[in-house]
C-alpha atoms as a PDB file:
ATOM      1  CA  MET A   1       4.973 -29.044  32.076  1.00  0.00           C
ATOM      2  CA  LEU A   2       2.709 -31.405  30.124  1.00  0.00           C
ATOM      3  CA  ASN A   3      -0.316 -29.300  31.101  1.00  0.00           C
ATOM      4  CA  PHE A   4       1.399 -26.163  29.752  1.00  0.00           C
ATOM      5  CA  VAL A   5       2.057 -27.866  26.389  1.00  0.00           C
ATOM      6  CA  ALA A   6      -1.604 -28.944  26.156  1.00  0.00           C
ATOM      7  CA  VAL A   7      -2.815 -25.416  26.926  1.00  0.00           C
ATOM      8  CA  ALA A   8      -0.388 -23.920  24.395  1.00  0.00           C
ATOM      9  CA  ALA A   9      -1.573 -26.383  21.735  1.00  0.00           C
ATOM     10  CA  GLU A  10      -5.235 -25.546  22.404  1.00  0.00           C
ATOM     11  CA  LEU A  11      -4.461 -21.834  22.253  1.00  0.00           C
ATOM     12  CA  ALA A  12      -2.664 -22.267  18.911  1.00  0.00           C
ATOM     13  CA  ILE A  13      -5.638 -24.174  17.484  1.00  0.00           C
ATOM     14  CA  LEU A  14      -8.110 -21.537  18.677  1.00  0.00           C
ATOM     15  CA  LEU A  15      -6.006 -18.722  17.232  1.00  0.00           C
ATOM     16  CA  SER A  16      -5.648 -20.435  13.864  1.00  0.00           C
ATOM     17  CA  PHE A  17      -9.418 -21.023  13.601  1.00  0.00           C
ATOM     18  CA  GLY A  18     -10.181 -17.508  14.827  1.00  0.00           C
ATOM     19  CA  SER A  19      -7.896 -15.856  12.298  1.00  0.00           C
ATOM     20  CA  SER A  20      -9.410 -17.844   9.422  1.00  0.00           C
ATOM     21  CA  ILE A  21     -12.876 -16.734  10.476  1.00  0.00           C
ATOM     22  CA  VAL A  22     -11.764 -13.098  10.506  1.00  0.00           C
ATOM     23  CA  ARG A  23      -9.955 -13.477   7.171  1.00  0.00           C
ATOM     24  CA  GLY A  24     -13.049 -15.021   5.612  1.00  0.00           C
ATOM     25  CA  ALA A  25     -14.993 -11.830   6.279  1.00  0.00           C
ATOM     26  CA  GLN A  26     -12.393  -9.628   4.559  1.00  0.00           C
ATOM     27  CA  THR A  27     -11.602  -9.218   0.915  1.00  0.00           C
ATOM     28  CA  LYS A  28      -8.299 -10.478  -0.445  1.00  0.00           C
ATOM     29  CA  GLY A  29      -5.533  -7.977   0.283  1.00  0.00           C
ATOM     30  CA  SER A  30      -1.960  -7.572  -0.841  1.00  0.00           C
ATOM     31  CA  LEU A  31       1.010  -5.236  -0.789  1.00  0.00           C
ATOM     32  CA  ILE A  32       2.370  -3.720  -3.990  1.00  0.00           C
ATOM     33  CA  THR A  33       5.788  -2.068  -3.901  1.00  0.00           C
ATOM     34  CA  GLY A  34       7.695  -0.222  -6.571  1.00  0.00           C
ATOM     35  CA  SER A  35       8.179   3.227  -8.040  1.00  0.00           C
ATOM     36  CA  LEU A  36       5.464   5.508  -9.356  1.00  0.00           C
ATOM     37  CA  TYR A  37       5.481   5.371 -13.144  1.00  0.00           C
ATOM     38  CA  ARG A  38       2.424   7.475 -14.082  1.00  0.00           C
ATOM     39  CA  ILE A  39      -0.511   9.166 -12.379  1.00  0.00           C
ATOM     40  CA  HIS A  40      -3.988   9.047 -13.945  1.00  0.00           C
ATOM     41  CA  SER A  41      -7.400  10.106 -12.734  1.00  0.00           C
ATOM     42  CA  GLY A  42      -8.638   7.119 -10.750  1.00  0.00           C
ATOM     43  CA  PHE A  43      -5.535   4.941 -10.889  1.00  0.00           C
ATOM     44  CA  LEU A  44      -1.754   4.776 -10.546  1.00  0.00           C
ATOM     45  CA  GLU A  45       0.778   2.896 -12.650  1.00  0.00           C
ATOM     46  CA  VAL A  46       3.497   1.364 -10.477  1.00  0.00           C
ATOM     47  CA  LYS A  47       6.743   0.003 -11.895  1.00  0.00           C
ATOM     48  CA  THR A  48       7.133  -3.214  -9.915  1.00  0.00           C
ATOM     49  CA  GLY A  49      10.030  -4.701 -11.862  1.00  0.00           C
ATOM     50  CA  GLU A  50      12.433  -3.969 -14.678  1.00  0.00           C
ATOM     51  CA  LYS A  51       9.758  -4.646 -17.330  1.00  0.00           C
ATOM     52  CA  SER A  52       6.639  -4.868 -15.185  1.00  0.00           C
ATOM     53  CA  VAL A  53       3.999  -2.210 -14.486  1.00  0.00           C
ATOM     54  CA  SER A  54       0.984  -2.761 -12.211  1.00  0.00           C
ATOM     55  CA  VAL A  55      -2.179  -0.684 -12.365  1.00  0.00           C
ATOM     56  CA  VAL A  56      -3.786   0.160  -9.022  1.00  0.00           C
ATOM     57  CA  LYS A  57      -7.182   1.827  -8.733  1.00  0.00           C
ATOM     58  CA  VAL A  58      -7.540   4.713  -6.255  1.00  0.00           C
ATOM     59  CA  ASP A  59     -10.794   6.134  -4.940  1.00  0.00           C
ATOM     60  CA  SER A  60     -12.126   8.556  -2.346  1.00  0.00           C
ATOM     61  CA  GLY A  61     -11.313   6.051   0.409  1.00  0.00           C
ATOM     62  CA  THR A  62      -7.604   5.872  -0.469  1.00  0.00           C
ATOM     63  CA  VAL A  63      -5.321   7.313   2.215  1.00  0.00           C
ATOM     64  CA  TYR A  64      -1.976   8.844   1.222  1.00  0.00           C
ATOM     65  CA  TRP A  65       0.953   8.930   3.650  1.00  0.00           C
ATOM     66  CA  ASN A  66       4.253  10.784   3.210  1.00  0.00           C
ATOM     67  CA  GLY A  67       7.031   8.576   4.574  1.00  0.00           C
ATOM     68  CA  LYS A  68       9.523  11.437   4.870  1.00  0.00           C
ATOM     69  CA  THR A  69       7.353  13.684   7.053  1.00  0.00           C
ATOM     70  CA  ASP A  70       5.381  10.752   8.512  1.00  0.00           C
ATOM     71  CA  LYS A  71       2.152  12.694   7.972  1.00  0.00           C
ATOM     72  CA  ALA A  72      -1.025  12.374   5.947  1.00  0.00           C
ATOM     73  CA  ALA A  73      -0.778  13.695   2.391  1.00  0.00           C
ATOM     74  CA  SER A  74      -2.813  13.778  -0.804  1.00  0.00           C
ATOM     75  CA  ALA A  75      -2.542  12.418  -4.337  1.00  0.00           C
ATOM     76  CA  LYS A  76      -1.261  15.846  -5.432  1.00  0.00           C
ATOM     77  CA  ASP A  77       1.913  15.196  -3.400  1.00  0.00           C
ATOM     78  CA  LEU A  78       2.897  12.198  -5.547  1.00  0.00           C
ATOM     79  CA  ILE A  79       5.705  12.614  -8.080  1.00  0.00           C
ATOM     80  CA  PRO A  80       6.676  10.077 -10.746  1.00  0.00           C
ATOM     81  CA  GLY A  81       9.698   8.179  -9.438  1.00  0.00           C
ATOM     82  CA  ASP A  82       8.454   8.128  -5.811  1.00  0.00           C
ATOM     83  CA  GLU A  83       9.017   4.851  -4.001  1.00  0.00           C
ATOM     84  CA  LEU A  84       5.612   3.358  -3.091  1.00  0.00           C
ATOM     85  CA  ALA A  85       4.221   0.736  -0.748  1.00  0.00           C
ATOM     86  CA  ILE A  86       0.516   0.300  -1.477  1.00  0.00           C
ATOM     87  CA  GLU A  87      -1.866  -1.714   0.685  1.00  0.00           C
ATOM     88  CA  THR A  88      -4.626  -2.989  -1.605  1.00  0.00           C
ATOM     89  CA  VAL A  89      -7.812  -4.995  -1.444  1.00  0.00           C
ATOM     90  CA  GLU A  90      -9.347  -6.787  -4.381  1.00  0.00           C
ATOM     91  CA  LYS A  91     -12.723  -5.451  -5.498  1.00  0.00           C
ATOM     92  CA  LYS A  92     -14.395  -6.848  -8.615  1.00  0.00           C
ATOM     93  CA  GLY A  93     -11.104  -8.455  -9.613  1.00  0.00           C
ATOM     94  CA  LEU A  94      -9.095  -5.203  -9.462  1.00  0.00           C
ATOM     95  CA  PRO A  95      -6.569  -4.072  -6.838  1.00  0.00           C
ATOM     96  CA  VAL A  96      -7.921  -0.969  -5.077  1.00  0.00           C
ATOM     97  CA  ALA A  97      -5.530   1.073  -2.923  1.00  0.00           C
ATOM     98  CA  GLN A  98      -6.487   1.493   0.709  1.00  0.00           C
ATOM     99  CA  LYS A  99      -3.249   3.184   1.747  1.00  0.00           C
ATOM    100  CA  VAL A 100      -0.471   4.616  -0.413  1.00  0.00           C
ATOM    101  CA  ARG A 101       2.778   5.247   1.452  1.00  0.00           C
ATOM    102  CA  PHE A 102       5.356   7.162  -0.538  1.00  0.00           C
ATOM    103  CA  LEU A 103       8.864   8.466  -0.224  1.00  0.00           C
ATOM    104  CA  HIS A 104      10.332  10.939  -2.690  1.00  0.00           C
ATOM    105  CA  ARG A 105      13.174   9.103  -4.353  1.00  0.00           C
ATOM    106  CA  PHE A 106      15.309  12.182  -4.940  1.00  0.00           C
ATOM    107  CA  SER A 107      15.330  15.528  -3.184  1.00  0.00           C
ATOM    108  CA  GLN A 108      12.749  16.853  -5.648  1.00  0.00           C
ATOM    109  CA  VAL A 109      11.205  19.112  -3.021  1.00  0.00           C
ATOM    110  CA  ALA A 110      13.958  21.667  -3.659  1.00  0.00           C
ATOM    111  CA  LYS A 111      13.191  21.808  -7.403  1.00  0.00           C
ATOM    112  CA  GLY A 112       9.933  23.732  -7.255  1.00  0.00           C
ATOM    113  CA  ALA A 113       6.615  24.382  -5.574  1.00  0.00           C
ATOM    114  CA  GLY A 114       5.192  21.269  -3.989  1.00  0.00           C
ATOM    115  CA  GLY A 115       8.114  19.176  -5.199  1.00  0.00           C
ATOM    116  CA  ARG A 116       7.063  19.447  -8.837  1.00  0.00           C
ATOM    117  CA  ASN A 117       9.587  20.472 -11.417  1.00  0.00           C
ATOM    118  CA  SER A 118       8.800  24.082 -12.358  1.00  0.00           C
ATOM    119  CA  ASP A 119      10.605  23.937 -15.752  1.00  0.00           C
END
C-alpha cells in the first residue's frame, strides 16, 4: 500500500510539471459566455452581464458551431440575442475567438429565411 501511494505521488508530480510545460507553449485562453449583442466585420459584441459588453475579435480561423443542430455553421447564421460560448486565445492583448458555439435563444428560425427577421 505504501508503494502505491509513492507511485501515485510521483505520477501526480509528473503530471503537474508536464501540464505546465504544455501550458507554457500555448497562449492564454479563456471562455466568454453571454448573448450576442451586435455583429461587426471582424468582431462580435457579447453581452456578458446586465451592464457589461465584451468585444471579441473573429478571423478566418474562427470556427462556428450551431448548438441546436450540433453541426458546423458560419458567422452568417448568428442572430443578435443568440446565447454564445466562445473559446478565445489572447493575441496582442485582445481576445480572439477560436470557436463560437451558439444557440438561438428564441425560435427565430420560423420568422424568416435563415432565421433572420424578414420584416
